[in-house]
Protein backbone atom coordinates (compact mmCIF):
# COMPACT_ATOMS: atom_id res chain seq x y z
CA MET A 1 60.51 -69.24 42.14
CA TYR A 2 61.99 -65.77 42.41
CA GLN A 3 60.16 -63.68 44.99
CA TYR A 4 59.67 -60.07 43.97
CA THR A 5 61.01 -57.51 46.45
CA ASP A 6 59.04 -54.39 47.36
CA PHE A 7 61.17 -52.51 44.82
CA ASP A 8 60.38 -55.05 42.09
CA LYS A 9 56.64 -54.80 42.78
CA GLN A 10 56.66 -51.00 42.88
CA PHE A 11 58.60 -50.88 39.63
CA VAL A 12 56.09 -53.07 37.76
CA HIS A 13 53.08 -51.17 39.12
CA LEU A 14 54.60 -47.78 38.26
CA ARG A 15 55.34 -49.02 34.75
CA ALA A 16 51.69 -50.03 34.35
CA GLN A 17 50.60 -46.57 35.59
CA GLN A 18 53.00 -44.92 33.16
CA TYR A 19 51.58 -46.94 30.27
CA ARG A 20 48.01 -45.99 31.21
CA ASP A 21 48.99 -42.31 31.07
CA GLN A 22 50.62 -42.81 27.66
CA LEU A 23 47.55 -44.65 26.33
CA GLU A 24 45.17 -41.94 27.55
CA ARG A 25 47.27 -39.18 25.99
CA TRP A 26 47.27 -41.07 22.68
CA GLN A 27 43.50 -41.56 22.86
CA ALA A 28 43.07 -37.84 23.54
CA GLY A 29 45.19 -36.93 20.51
CA LYS A 30 48.04 -35.55 22.61
CA LEU A 31 50.37 -38.22 21.29
CA SER A 32 50.53 -39.06 17.59
CA GLU A 33 50.50 -42.66 16.36
CA GLU A 34 54.20 -42.29 15.55
CA GLU A 35 54.93 -41.05 19.10
CA PHE A 36 52.81 -43.73 20.79
CA ARG A 37 54.15 -46.67 18.77
CA PRO A 38 57.56 -47.00 20.55
CA LEU A 39 55.86 -46.55 23.93
CA ARG A 40 53.45 -49.43 23.42
CA LEU A 41 56.14 -51.61 21.86
CA GLN A 42 58.34 -51.14 24.94
CA ASN A 43 55.52 -52.78 26.90
CA GLY A 44 54.90 -55.64 24.49
CA TRP A 45 51.96 -54.21 22.50
CA TYR A 46 52.14 -54.82 18.76
CA VAL A 47 49.51 -54.12 16.12
CA GLN A 48 49.26 -57.19 13.92
CA ARG A 49 47.22 -58.23 10.91
CA TYR A 50 43.77 -57.70 12.43
CA ALA A 51 44.16 -56.53 16.01
CA PRO A 52 46.73 -55.73 18.72
CA MET A 53 48.96 -58.52 19.97
CA LEU A 54 50.35 -58.53 23.51
CA ARG A 55 53.51 -60.43 24.43
CA VAL A 56 53.92 -61.14 28.15
CA ALA A 57 57.36 -61.89 29.57
CA VAL A 58 57.86 -65.16 31.45
CA PRO A 59 61.50 -64.97 32.63
CA TYR A 60 63.24 -68.36 32.24
CA GLY A 61 59.78 -69.87 31.77
CA GLU A 62 58.57 -70.05 35.41
CA LEU A 63 54.95 -69.37 36.35
CA SER A 64 53.04 -69.59 39.61
CA THR A 65 49.44 -70.78 39.62
CA ALA A 66 48.35 -67.27 40.68
CA GLN A 67 50.02 -65.90 37.55
CA MET A 68 48.49 -68.64 35.39
CA ARG A 69 45.02 -67.79 36.64
CA VAL A 70 45.51 -64.13 35.76
CA LEU A 71 46.65 -65.19 32.29
CA ALA A 72 43.42 -67.21 32.07
CA LYS A 73 41.35 -64.21 33.18
CA ILE A 74 42.96 -62.06 30.48
CA ALA A 75 42.19 -64.71 27.85
CA ARG A 76 38.60 -65.06 28.99
CA GLU A 77 37.68 -61.41 29.54
CA TYR A 78 40.03 -59.37 27.34
CA ASP A 79 41.10 -61.50 24.33
CA GLN A 80 37.85 -60.58 22.61
CA PRO A 81 37.83 -58.30 19.54
CA THR A 82 34.86 -56.24 18.53
CA ALA A 83 32.33 -58.08 16.35
CA GLU A 84 33.23 -55.83 13.41
CA ILE A 85 36.96 -56.58 13.61
CA PHE A 86 36.38 -60.32 14.00
CA GLN A 87 33.95 -60.41 11.07
CA ASP A 88 36.44 -58.55 8.87
CA ALA A 89 39.14 -61.05 9.84
CA GLN A 90 36.93 -64.04 9.03
CA THR A 91 35.96 -62.52 5.67
CA THR A 92 39.61 -61.95 4.79
CA GLN A 93 40.48 -65.54 5.74
CA ALA A 94 37.66 -66.90 3.59
CA LYS A 95 38.87 -64.88 0.60
CA LEU A 96 42.42 -66.10 1.11
CA GLY A 97 41.23 -69.69 1.27
CA ALA A 98 39.33 -69.24 -1.99
CA LEU A 99 42.43 -67.73 -3.60
CA GLN A 100 44.40 -70.86 -2.75
CA MET A 101 42.02 -73.21 -4.60
CA LYS A 102 44.12 -75.65 -6.60
CA ASN A 103 42.85 -78.79 -8.29
CA GLY A 104 39.74 -78.72 -6.14
CA ARG A 105 41.69 -78.34 -2.89
CA SER A 106 41.67 -75.33 -0.56
CA VAL A 107 43.41 -74.05 2.55
CA ASN A 108 41.06 -73.33 5.43
CA SER A 109 41.60 -71.47 8.71
CA LYS A 110 39.42 -71.23 11.77
CA LEU A 111 39.98 -68.04 13.76
CA THR A 112 39.38 -68.33 17.49
CA THR A 113 39.40 -65.91 20.43
CA GLY A 114 39.69 -66.18 24.19
CA TYR A 115 43.02 -67.97 24.45
CA ALA A 116 46.73 -67.49 25.11
CA HIS A 117 49.65 -68.72 23.00
CA PHE A 118 52.92 -70.13 24.39
CA THR A 119 55.98 -69.19 22.32
CA THR A 120 59.33 -70.89 21.75
CA ARG A 121 60.97 -68.19 23.90
CA GLN A 122 58.83 -69.03 26.93
CA ASN A 123 56.58 -65.98 26.54
CA VAL A 124 52.78 -65.82 26.42
CA GLN A 125 50.93 -63.95 23.65
CA TYR A 126 47.38 -62.74 23.04
CA ASN A 127 46.06 -61.85 19.60
CA TRP A 128 42.77 -60.00 20.07
CA ILE A 129 42.97 -57.58 23.02
CA PRO A 130 41.66 -54.12 22.00
CA LEU A 131 44.12 -51.30 22.70
CA ASP A 132 41.51 -49.34 24.62
CA ARG A 133 41.54 -52.15 27.22
CA SER A 134 45.32 -52.61 27.24
CA ALA A 135 46.00 -50.52 30.36
CA ASP A 136 43.56 -52.66 32.37
CA VAL A 137 45.48 -55.74 31.24
CA MET A 138 48.77 -54.16 32.33
CA ASP A 139 47.28 -53.57 35.79
CA LEU A 140 46.15 -57.18 35.98
CA LEU A 141 49.60 -58.44 35.05
CA ALA A 142 51.25 -56.15 37.60
CA SER A 143 48.98 -57.58 40.31
CA VAL A 144 50.89 -60.88 39.97
CA ASN A 145 54.32 -59.39 39.19
CA MET A 146 54.08 -59.76 35.41
CA HIS A 147 54.51 -57.36 32.52
CA GLY A 148 55.43 -57.03 28.85
CA ILE A 149 58.54 -54.91 29.34
CA GLN A 150 61.21 -55.54 26.69
CA THR A 151 59.29 -58.28 24.94
CA SER A 152 59.59 -56.08 21.87
CA GLY A 153 61.95 -53.47 20.48
CA ASN A 154 65.67 -53.35 19.82
CA CYS A 155 66.71 -54.26 23.33
CA ILE A 156 67.67 -57.31 25.40
CA ARG A 157 64.56 -59.50 25.32
CA ASN A 158 63.17 -62.06 27.79
CA ILE A 159 65.98 -64.36 28.97
CA THR A 160 65.12 -68.02 28.40
CA SER A 161 66.40 -71.24 29.92
CA ASP A 162 65.98 -75.00 30.20
CA GLU A 163 62.47 -75.87 31.42
CA ARG A 164 64.08 -78.47 33.69
CA ALA A 165 66.38 -75.92 35.34
CA GLY A 166 67.03 -76.80 38.95
CA ILE A 167 65.63 -80.33 38.63
CA ALA A 168 67.45 -81.99 35.68
CA VAL A 169 69.53 -85.05 36.52
CA ASP A 170 72.25 -83.92 34.09
CA GLU A 171 72.51 -80.44 35.59
CA ILE A 172 75.90 -78.94 36.43
CA ALA A 173 74.43 -75.89 38.18
CA ASP A 174 71.02 -74.22 38.36
CA PRO A 175 70.90 -71.46 35.70
CA ARG A 176 67.81 -69.72 37.15
CA PRO A 177 69.62 -67.46 39.67
CA PHE A 178 71.86 -66.24 36.87
CA GLY A 179 68.84 -65.78 34.62
CA GLU A 180 67.21 -63.59 37.26
CA ILE A 181 70.36 -61.57 37.89
CA LEU A 182 70.75 -61.00 34.14
CA ARG A 183 67.07 -60.05 33.89
CA GLN A 184 67.56 -57.36 36.51
CA TRP A 185 70.76 -56.13 34.84
CA SER A 186 69.21 -55.93 31.37
CA THR A 187 65.83 -54.39 32.29
CA LEU A 188 65.80 -50.76 31.14
CA HIS A 189 69.59 -50.80 30.78
CA PRO A 190 70.23 -47.18 29.74
CA GLU A 191 72.96 -48.02 27.22
CA PHE A 192 71.13 -50.90 25.57
CA ALA A 193 67.58 -49.56 25.12
CA PHE A 194 68.10 -48.82 21.40
CA LEU A 195 70.39 -51.50 20.00
CA PRO A 196 70.81 -52.00 16.24
CA ARG A 197 68.31 -54.88 16.51
CA LYS A 198 66.62 -57.15 19.05
CA PHE A 199 68.91 -59.21 21.30
CA LYS A 200 68.12 -62.64 22.76
CA ILE A 201 69.95 -64.53 25.51
CA ALA A 202 69.49 -68.20 26.47
CA ILE A 203 71.15 -69.93 29.41
CA SER A 204 71.62 -73.63 30.21
CA GLY A 205 73.09 -75.37 33.21
CA ALA A 206 72.91 -78.98 32.02
CA HIS A 207 74.97 -81.30 29.85
CA GLU A 208 72.09 -81.50 27.37
CA ASP A 209 71.20 -78.22 25.71
CA ARG A 210 67.42 -77.95 26.08
CA ALA A 211 67.46 -74.18 25.56
CA ALA A 212 68.73 -74.11 21.93
CA THR A 213 71.51 -71.77 23.07
CA ALA A 214 73.54 -71.91 19.84
CA TRP A 215 70.59 -70.33 18.01
CA HIS A 216 70.63 -67.18 20.17
CA ASP A 217 72.47 -63.86 20.02
CA VAL A 218 74.19 -65.01 23.21
CA GLY A 219 74.16 -68.57 24.51
CA LEU A 220 75.52 -69.31 27.98
CA HIS A 221 76.49 -72.78 29.25
CA LEU A 222 77.36 -73.36 32.89
CA LEU A 223 80.29 -75.75 33.34
CA ARG A 224 83.14 -76.55 35.70
CA ASN A 225 86.81 -76.33 34.76
CA GLU A 226 89.49 -78.87 35.63
CA THR A 227 89.76 -77.47 39.19
CA GLY A 228 86.02 -77.61 39.78
CA GLU A 229 85.39 -73.88 39.52
CA LEU A 230 82.02 -72.83 38.11
CA GLY A 231 81.89 -70.66 35.03
CA PHE A 232 80.34 -70.09 31.63
CA ARG A 233 81.10 -71.12 28.10
CA VAL A 234 80.02 -68.08 26.07
CA LEU A 235 78.57 -68.32 22.56
CA VAL A 236 77.78 -65.21 20.51
CA GLY A 237 76.17 -64.59 17.15
CA GLY A 238 73.56 -67.30 16.67
CA GLY A 239 70.24 -66.68 14.99
CA MET A 240 67.71 -67.81 12.44
CA GLY A 241 65.86 -65.53 10.03
CA ARG A 242 67.08 -64.93 6.50
CA THR A 243 70.61 -65.98 7.39
CA PRO A 244 70.68 -68.94 9.79
CA VAL A 245 73.92 -68.88 11.78
CA ILE A 246 75.21 -71.08 14.60
CA ALA A 247 76.76 -69.05 17.41
CA THR A 248 80.54 -68.78 17.75
CA GLN A 249 82.33 -69.70 20.98
CA VAL A 250 84.07 -66.56 22.19
CA ARG A 251 85.04 -67.74 25.67
CA GLU A 252 85.72 -71.35 26.65
CA PHE A 253 85.53 -70.52 30.35
CA LEU A 254 84.48 -67.33 32.12
CA PRO A 255 84.25 -67.23 35.94
CA TRP A 256 80.57 -67.05 36.92
CA HIS A 257 80.84 -63.82 38.87
CA GLN A 258 82.10 -61.94 35.77
CA ILE A 259 79.24 -62.83 33.43
CA MET A 260 77.57 -59.39 33.58
CA ASN A 261 80.84 -57.55 32.99
CA TYR A 262 81.54 -59.77 29.98
CA LEU A 263 78.04 -59.40 28.55
CA GLU A 264 78.36 -55.65 29.01
CA ALA A 265 81.43 -55.83 26.76
CA VAL A 266 79.68 -58.00 24.16
CA VAL A 267 76.65 -55.74 23.88
CA ARG A 268 78.76 -52.55 23.88
CA VAL A 269 80.75 -53.79 20.89
CA TYR A 270 77.52 -54.74 19.12
CA ASN A 271 75.94 -51.39 19.96
CA ARG A 272 78.97 -49.58 18.60
CA TYR A 273 79.56 -51.52 15.37
CA GLY A 274 76.28 -53.26 14.56
CA ARG A 275 74.68 -52.06 11.32
CA ARG A 276 71.81 -49.61 11.57
CA ASP A 277 71.52 -48.87 7.85
CA ASN A 278 69.87 -52.20 6.97
CA MET A 279 67.52 -53.99 9.39
CA TYR A 280 68.12 -57.29 7.60
CA LYS A 281 71.82 -57.07 8.41
CA ALA A 282 71.51 -55.53 11.86
CA ARG A 283 71.57 -58.64 14.08
CA ILE A 284 74.79 -59.42 15.95
CA LYS A 285 75.20 -62.65 13.96
CA ILE A 286 76.01 -60.55 10.87
CA LEU A 287 78.66 -58.59 12.78
CA VAL A 288 80.26 -61.73 14.23
CA LYS A 289 80.27 -63.47 10.87
CA ALA A 290 81.74 -60.46 9.07
CA GLU A 291 84.42 -59.58 11.62
CA GLY A 292 85.40 -63.03 12.89
CA GLN A 293 88.35 -62.91 15.27
CA LYS A 294 88.34 -59.10 15.26
CA PHE A 295 84.93 -59.14 16.95
CA ILE A 296 86.29 -61.43 19.69
CA ASP A 297 89.38 -59.23 20.10
CA ASP A 298 87.22 -56.12 20.41
CA VAL A 299 85.07 -57.78 23.05
CA GLU A 300 88.12 -58.85 25.03
CA ALA A 301 89.54 -55.33 24.83
CA GLU A 302 86.25 -53.85 26.02
CA TYR A 303 86.09 -56.42 28.82
CA ALA A 304 89.64 -55.50 29.90
CA GLN A 305 88.59 -51.84 29.98
CA ILE A 306 85.57 -52.65 32.14
CA MET A 307 87.65 -54.72 34.54
CA ASP A 308 90.93 -52.81 34.72
CA VAL A 309 89.78 -49.22 34.37
CA ASP A 310 86.18 -49.30 35.55
CA GLY A 311 86.88 -51.83 38.29
CA GLY A 312 84.39 -54.50 37.19
CA PRO A 313 81.26 -52.66 38.35
CA HIS A 314 78.93 -55.54 37.45
CA THR A 315 80.83 -58.28 39.29
CA ILE A 316 78.33 -60.57 41.02
CA THR A 317 79.14 -60.86 44.70
CA GLN A 318 78.60 -64.08 46.58
CA ALA A 319 76.11 -62.27 48.81
CA GLU A 320 74.04 -61.13 45.82
CA TYR A 321 74.11 -64.58 44.27
CA ASP A 322 73.02 -66.13 47.57
CA ARG A 323 70.19 -63.60 47.92
CA VAL A 324 68.76 -64.46 44.51
CA ALA A 325 69.48 -68.20 44.74
CA ALA A 326 67.50 -68.36 47.99
CA SER A 327 64.33 -67.92 45.89
CA PHE A 328 65.06 -71.09 43.95
CA VAL A 329 65.25 -73.69 46.71
CA PRO A 330 63.03 -76.76 46.15
CA PRO A 331 59.55 -76.47 47.68
CA ALA A 332 58.80 -78.29 50.90
CA LEU A 333 56.90 -81.41 49.84
CA THR A 334 55.33 -84.15 51.90
CA THR A 335 56.46 -87.46 50.44
CA ASP A 336 55.47 -91.02 51.22
CA ARG A 337 58.39 -92.43 53.23
CA SER A 338 56.76 -95.81 53.78
CA THR A 339 57.87 -96.92 50.34
CA SER A 340 61.37 -96.48 48.86
CA ALA A 341 61.94 -94.68 45.57
CA GLU A 342 62.88 -98.00 43.99
CA GLU A 343 59.62 -99.60 45.13
CA LYS A 344 57.63 -96.66 43.80
CA ILE A 345 59.25 -97.03 40.40
CA ALA A 346 58.61 -100.76 40.43
CA ASN A 347 54.94 -100.11 41.20
CA LEU A 348 54.73 -97.66 38.30
CA LEU A 349 56.31 -100.14 35.91
CA ARG A 350 53.83 -102.82 36.95
CA ALA A 351 50.95 -100.41 36.37
CA ALA A 352 52.39 -99.44 32.99
CA ALA A 353 52.71 -103.05 31.92
CA GLY A 354 48.96 -103.44 32.19
CA ASP A 355 48.04 -100.13 30.53
CA VAL A 356 49.66 -99.25 27.19
CA GLU A 357 48.53 -95.61 27.27
CA PHE A 358 49.84 -95.05 30.79
CA GLY A 359 53.13 -96.72 29.86
CA ARG A 360 53.57 -94.50 26.85
CA TRP A 361 52.77 -91.42 28.92
CA LEU A 362 55.44 -92.40 31.46
CA GLN A 363 57.91 -92.86 28.63
CA GLN A 364 57.23 -89.66 26.69
CA ASN A 365 55.77 -87.13 29.13
CA VAL A 366 57.56 -87.98 32.38
CA ALA A 367 61.23 -87.14 32.98
CA ALA A 368 63.69 -88.08 35.72
CA HIS A 369 64.30 -85.65 38.58
CA GLN A 370 67.22 -84.77 40.85
CA ASN A 371 65.01 -85.89 43.72
CA PRO A 372 64.42 -89.64 43.18
CA ASP A 373 60.97 -89.33 44.79
CA LEU A 374 59.88 -86.76 42.18
CA ARG A 375 59.36 -86.48 38.43
CA ALA A 376 58.92 -83.66 35.90
CA VAL A 377 55.76 -84.06 33.83
CA THR A 378 54.97 -82.34 30.54
CA LEU A 379 51.35 -81.43 29.79
CA SER A 380 50.79 -81.69 26.04
CA PHE A 381 49.02 -78.74 24.42
CA LYS A 382 49.22 -80.29 20.95
CA ARG A 383 45.86 -81.62 19.83
CA LEU A 384 43.58 -81.80 16.83
CA GLY A 385 41.50 -78.66 16.41
CA GLN A 386 43.88 -76.39 18.33
CA ALA A 387 46.95 -74.57 17.07
CA PRO A 388 50.29 -75.64 18.59
CA GLY A 389 50.97 -73.63 21.74
CA ASP A 390 47.41 -72.32 22.08
CA ALA A 391 45.53 -72.68 25.36
CA THR A 392 41.99 -71.59 26.13
CA ALA A 393 41.13 -69.75 29.33
CA ASP A 394 39.57 -72.90 30.77
CA GLN A 395 42.66 -74.94 29.88
CA LEU A 396 44.90 -72.41 31.64
CA ASP A 397 42.74 -72.60 34.76
CA THR A 398 42.79 -76.39 34.63
CA ALA A 399 46.59 -76.43 34.28
CA ALA A 400 46.79 -74.18 37.35
CA ASP A 401 44.55 -76.57 39.26
CA LEU A 402 46.80 -79.50 38.33
CA ALA A 403 49.88 -77.56 39.39
CA ASP A 404 48.33 -76.76 42.77
CA ARG A 405 47.40 -80.41 43.31
CA PHE A 406 50.54 -82.05 42.00
CA SER A 407 53.40 -79.54 41.53
CA ALA A 408 53.68 -77.20 44.51
CA GLY A 409 51.87 -74.46 42.61
CA GLU A 410 54.50 -74.07 39.88
CA LEU A 411 54.53 -74.56 36.09
CA ARG A 412 57.11 -73.97 33.37
CA VAL A 413 56.59 -72.88 29.75
CA THR A 414 58.71 -75.13 27.52
CA HIS A 415 60.66 -74.33 24.38
CA ASP A 416 58.33 -76.72 22.55
CA GLN A 417 55.19 -74.71 23.51
CA ASN A 418 53.89 -77.01 26.24
CA LEU A 419 53.67 -76.71 30.04
CA LEU A 420 55.81 -78.66 32.49
CA LEU A 421 54.99 -79.57 36.11
CA PRO A 422 58.39 -79.69 37.88
CA TRP A 423 57.55 -81.09 41.33
CA VAL A 424 55.38 -84.20 40.89
CA ARG A 425 55.64 -87.02 43.44
CA CYS A 426 56.18 -90.47 41.92
CA ASP A 427 53.36 -91.97 43.93
CA GLN A 428 50.97 -89.34 42.53
CA LEU A 429 51.76 -90.04 38.88
CA PRO A 430 48.79 -92.41 38.35
CA GLU A 431 46.41 -89.84 39.85
CA LEU A 432 47.94 -87.04 37.77
CA TRP A 433 47.70 -89.22 34.65
CA LYS A 434 43.97 -89.67 35.17
CA ALA A 435 43.39 -85.97 35.85
CA ALA A 436 45.54 -84.85 32.91
CA ARG A 437 43.82 -87.32 30.58
CA GLN A 438 40.40 -86.02 31.63
CA ALA A 439 41.62 -82.48 30.89
CA GLY A 440 43.05 -83.49 27.49
CA PHE A 441 46.68 -82.85 28.50
CA ALA A 442 47.92 -86.44 28.64
CA LYS A 443 48.54 -87.26 24.99
CA SER A 444 51.80 -89.22 24.91
CA ASN A 445 53.19 -87.33 21.92
CA ILE A 446 55.95 -85.32 23.61
CA ARG A 447 58.94 -85.20 21.24
CA LEU A 448 56.94 -87.09 18.61
CA LEU A 449 55.79 -85.79 15.23
CA THR A 450 52.58 -84.07 16.37
CA ASP A 451 54.38 -82.30 19.23
CA MET A 452 55.32 -79.75 16.59
CA ILE A 453 56.47 -76.16 16.99
CA ALA A 454 54.52 -73.60 14.97
CA CYS A 455 54.23 -69.82 14.93
CA PRO A 456 50.79 -68.16 14.53
CA GLY A 457 51.70 -67.45 10.89
CA GLY A 458 49.58 -65.51 8.43
CA ASP A 459 46.37 -66.02 10.38
CA PHE A 460 47.55 -63.32 12.77
CA CYS A 461 51.04 -62.02 11.95
CA SER A 462 51.36 -59.10 9.54
CA LEU A 463 54.90 -60.21 8.62
CA ALA A 464 53.99 -63.74 7.56
CA ASN A 465 53.95 -64.87 3.94
CA ALA A 466 51.77 -67.91 4.64
CA ARG A 467 49.70 -69.54 7.32
CA SER A 468 51.15 -72.11 9.69
CA ILE A 469 48.06 -73.21 11.59
CA PRO A 470 46.11 -75.00 8.81
CA VAL A 471 49.24 -76.87 7.70
CA ALA A 472 49.92 -77.95 11.29
CA GLU A 473 46.29 -79.03 11.59
CA ALA A 474 46.42 -81.08 8.38
CA ILE A 475 49.56 -82.95 9.47
CA THR A 476 48.15 -83.52 12.95
CA GLU A 477 44.94 -84.90 11.48
CA ARG A 478 46.87 -87.31 9.28
CA TYR A 479 48.89 -88.69 12.20
CA GLN A 480 46.32 -89.40 14.90
CA ASP A 481 47.18 -93.10 15.25
CA MET A 482 49.30 -93.32 18.42
CA ASP A 483 50.73 -96.69 17.38
CA GLU A 484 52.04 -95.07 14.21
CA LEU A 485 53.38 -92.01 16.05
CA HIS A 486 55.32 -94.15 18.51
CA ASP A 487 56.59 -96.36 15.68
CA LEU A 488 57.94 -93.26 13.90
CA GLY A 489 59.71 -92.23 17.10
CA GLU A 490 61.11 -88.87 18.09
CA ILE A 491 60.94 -86.28 15.31
CA ASP A 492 61.17 -82.49 15.57
CA LEU A 493 58.75 -80.85 13.12
CA HIS A 494 58.89 -77.04 13.07
CA ILE A 495 56.71 -74.65 11.02
CA SER A 496 57.31 -70.94 10.30
CA GLY A 497 54.99 -68.65 8.38
CA CYS A 498 57.87 -66.53 7.07
CA ILE A 499 61.63 -66.23 6.96
CA ASN A 500 61.70 -64.50 10.36
CA SER A 501 61.62 -68.09 11.67
CA CYS A 502 59.48 -67.66 14.80
CA GLY A 503 58.54 -71.32 14.36
CA HIS A 504 62.25 -72.29 14.32
CA HIS A 505 61.93 -74.22 11.06
CA HIS A 506 65.71 -74.06 10.57
CA SER A 507 66.29 -76.30 13.62
CA GLY A 508 63.63 -78.90 12.85
CA HIS A 509 64.50 -82.41 11.73
CA ILE A 510 61.73 -81.50 9.30
CA GLY A 511 61.16 -77.81 8.75
CA ILE A 512 58.33 -76.10 6.90
CA LEU A 513 58.71 -72.48 5.78
CA GLY A 514 55.90 -70.39 4.32
CA VAL A 515 56.92 -68.34 1.28
CA ASP A 516 55.10 -65.98 -1.05
CA LYS A 517 55.02 -66.87 -4.74
CA ASP A 518 52.96 -64.68 -7.06
CA GLY A 519 50.78 -63.58 -4.17
CA LYS A 520 49.97 -67.14 -3.11
CA GLU A 521 51.04 -69.27 -0.15
CA TRP A 522 53.72 -71.87 -0.81
CA TYR A 523 55.98 -73.87 1.48
CA GLN A 524 59.61 -74.95 1.42
CA ILE A 525 60.59 -78.19 3.16
CA THR A 526 63.93 -78.47 4.96
CA LEU A 527 65.51 -81.60 6.39
CA GLY A 528 68.26 -82.31 8.91
CA GLY A 529 68.10 -79.31 11.23
CA SER A 530 69.02 -79.52 14.90
CA ASP A 531 68.49 -77.44 18.04
CA GLY A 532 71.49 -78.89 19.88
CA SER A 533 69.68 -81.46 22.04
CA THR A 534 71.09 -84.93 22.66
CA LEU A 535 68.68 -86.50 20.17
CA SER A 536 69.42 -83.95 17.46
CA GLY A 537 73.16 -83.57 17.93
CA ALA A 538 75.12 -80.37 17.32
CA SER A 539 73.07 -77.38 16.19
CA VAL A 540 72.82 -77.09 12.41
CA PRO A 541 70.29 -75.56 9.98
CA GLY A 542 68.25 -77.88 7.79
CA LYS A 543 68.64 -77.93 4.00
CA VAL A 544 65.89 -77.25 1.48
CA VAL A 545 64.81 -80.41 -0.36
CA GLY A 546 63.59 -78.80 -3.57
CA PRO A 547 61.05 -76.39 -5.08
CA SER A 548 58.26 -75.10 -2.86
CA PHE A 549 54.95 -76.93 -2.44
CA SER A 550 51.37 -75.75 -2.19
CA ALA A 551 49.69 -76.03 1.20
CA ALA A 552 47.54 -78.89 -0.10
CA GLU A 553 50.66 -80.83 -1.10
CA VAL A 554 52.54 -80.45 2.20
CA PRO A 555 50.88 -83.30 4.16
CA GLY A 556 51.54 -85.72 1.31
CA VAL A 557 55.15 -84.57 1.10
CA ILE A 558 55.65 -85.15 4.83
CA GLU A 559 54.06 -88.59 4.51
CA ALA A 560 56.37 -89.48 1.62
CA VAL A 561 59.42 -88.39 3.63
CA LEU A 562 58.33 -90.47 6.62
CA ASP A 563 57.53 -93.50 4.48
CA THR A 564 61.06 -93.27 3.08
CA TYR A 565 62.43 -93.19 6.62
CA ARG A 566 60.51 -96.36 7.51
CA GLU A 567 61.92 -98.11 4.46
CA LEU A 568 65.52 -97.09 5.17
CA ARG A 569 65.82 -97.19 8.96
CA GLN A 570 67.81 -99.93 10.64
CA SER A 571 66.89 -101.94 13.69
CA GLU A 572 69.02 -101.31 16.76
CA SER A 573 69.35 -103.04 20.11
CA GLN A 574 67.27 -100.28 21.74
CA GLY A 575 64.72 -100.15 18.92
CA SER A 576 64.54 -98.63 15.47
CA GLU A 577 67.02 -96.05 14.24
CA THR A 578 65.65 -92.51 14.70
CA PHE A 579 64.59 -90.34 11.80
CA ILE A 580 67.48 -87.89 12.20
CA SER A 581 70.03 -90.73 12.50
CA THR A 582 68.71 -92.39 9.34
CA LEU A 583 68.77 -89.10 7.45
CA ARG A 584 72.37 -88.47 8.42
CA ARG A 585 73.43 -92.02 7.60
CA VAL A 586 71.92 -92.29 4.12
CA GLY A 587 71.94 -88.62 3.12
CA ALA A 588 69.10 -86.42 1.90
CA ASP A 589 68.79 -87.65 -1.70
CA PRO A 590 66.23 -90.46 -1.10
CA PHE A 591 64.11 -88.09 0.96
CA LYS A 592 64.33 -85.34 -1.65
CA ALA A 593 63.21 -87.76 -4.34
CA ALA A 594 60.28 -88.91 -2.22
CA ALA A 595 59.23 -85.35 -1.41
CA ASN A 596 59.31 -84.18 -5.00
CA GLY A 597 57.58 -87.35 -6.17
CA ALA A 598 54.68 -86.59 -3.83
CA ARG A 599 53.85 -83.33 -5.62
CA PHE A 600 50.21 -83.28 -6.76
CA ALA A 601 49.64 -86.74 -5.28
CA ASP A 602 47.37 -85.59 -2.48
CA LYS A 603 43.81 -84.79 -3.59
CA GLU A 604 42.38 -84.09 -0.15
CA THR A 605 41.34 -80.73 1.25
CA VAL A 606 43.77 -79.14 3.69
């Protein structure tokens, strides 16, 4: 993990002190609400439907156990609204549920406090921290080199990456040093503090894109050219929202040491020509789509100016790269040398043959590692009775304990809203399995239907048209049979509460989008989306299957779609054809017919 320098630490602590001063001036009436709003947003403090929401940056997803325990402390001691605010929120939710009554069915939500929420962009959010306690939280975060800087606002946001960075067997080069260098370059960049709209960068160093790079404003892929030189393939203009767009390749190969100079050119062109008259058309994807080749030509001209006239001021030197990369060396681990890696794997396979649950866990939750003596293990935070991505304070502490015991004190936040342990010894997998199962983290549903992505939706977000959490809960409840889940195979189900697409519904094999219709919550179903992973294929947005459905109808619609898949899938040498492969082979029409035929068929309460 990157080790903060004295400058880094001083910077974060001074920023926390600055925020405390701003908060106190606002509380004293010396700053108006209008004046204070941009100051809190620059530090990740929103005001949502019922209470403030804090977004904490987790650069490229890496967390130490010390940081995790502070996140747990914040959840336990600060994510607690006043009784009056919480009662008002519960009353509002009850009224909304009553409003949704349809044919004897209702939509129910259960509001909870004292937890953190993992997002698809590897951040951590809290939904109930009172603003008058926000400065204390900033101090706590600073004590472990964390903050909320640039997790909001029209600036370059938290830079995300592959959760298996530095350990993936298909990796070309470790993207984390570049992620850290770009984080330092983009933090409080004076020219890019007030862009036309927010700006998101994702970076991947592996053959498989596990960072959904084509869905970002800028996607960076490390690769080697025909002579073996390391560089980047540069994608620009991806995004979801009202207009889902797959990013355009603007550079097939850029030498690695010029990445900051080139990004400087990209963002300058966007800052100069991006629309500021209409927030719905302000993202860079709109500019790239409208201008086409002219956008690329303008970027290349700006890049030439930076290099030829300015002298390439942001060129990464080998010394600087080496300084940062030194923080990302593998931890020193004591491994059992009395048994070969092959023998360890054979022992695991024998154990799995006698324990179906353990075997499934090895298959779904455990991934290969560059070090043959190690594995990467995903802890599942998807369970009945808990919203996808949510973690209680106790669960965060338990995850930290597991990381200390089994993963050299390090965890990673994944794009799919789980936690990954990157340094697990093969011979400790049975012990970890038992400990994770006792903690409730060992459900073998990674990449399966109930390992769904979902935003907080209308339960918390003031932008949402509908709630995501009760729909996710209803689907999860319906698919609790692990035999059935494994028979269905790998399926990406993504749920968004509004068109802003924080739940990435566009990229789901099955996507669910909350929409407002006559003041009531309805849901559109999309099929065939992809995030660019090997399973999903090239990134593409899903297509709507028909008219919207009520919340009570959604579980039945999903069941009808999956039943159709089971009827149509073909057997293959390695098992049954996957859902996304079947959909692409036969087309969407049978699934559309099944979905629309399921309308009004479900009489249960959601």
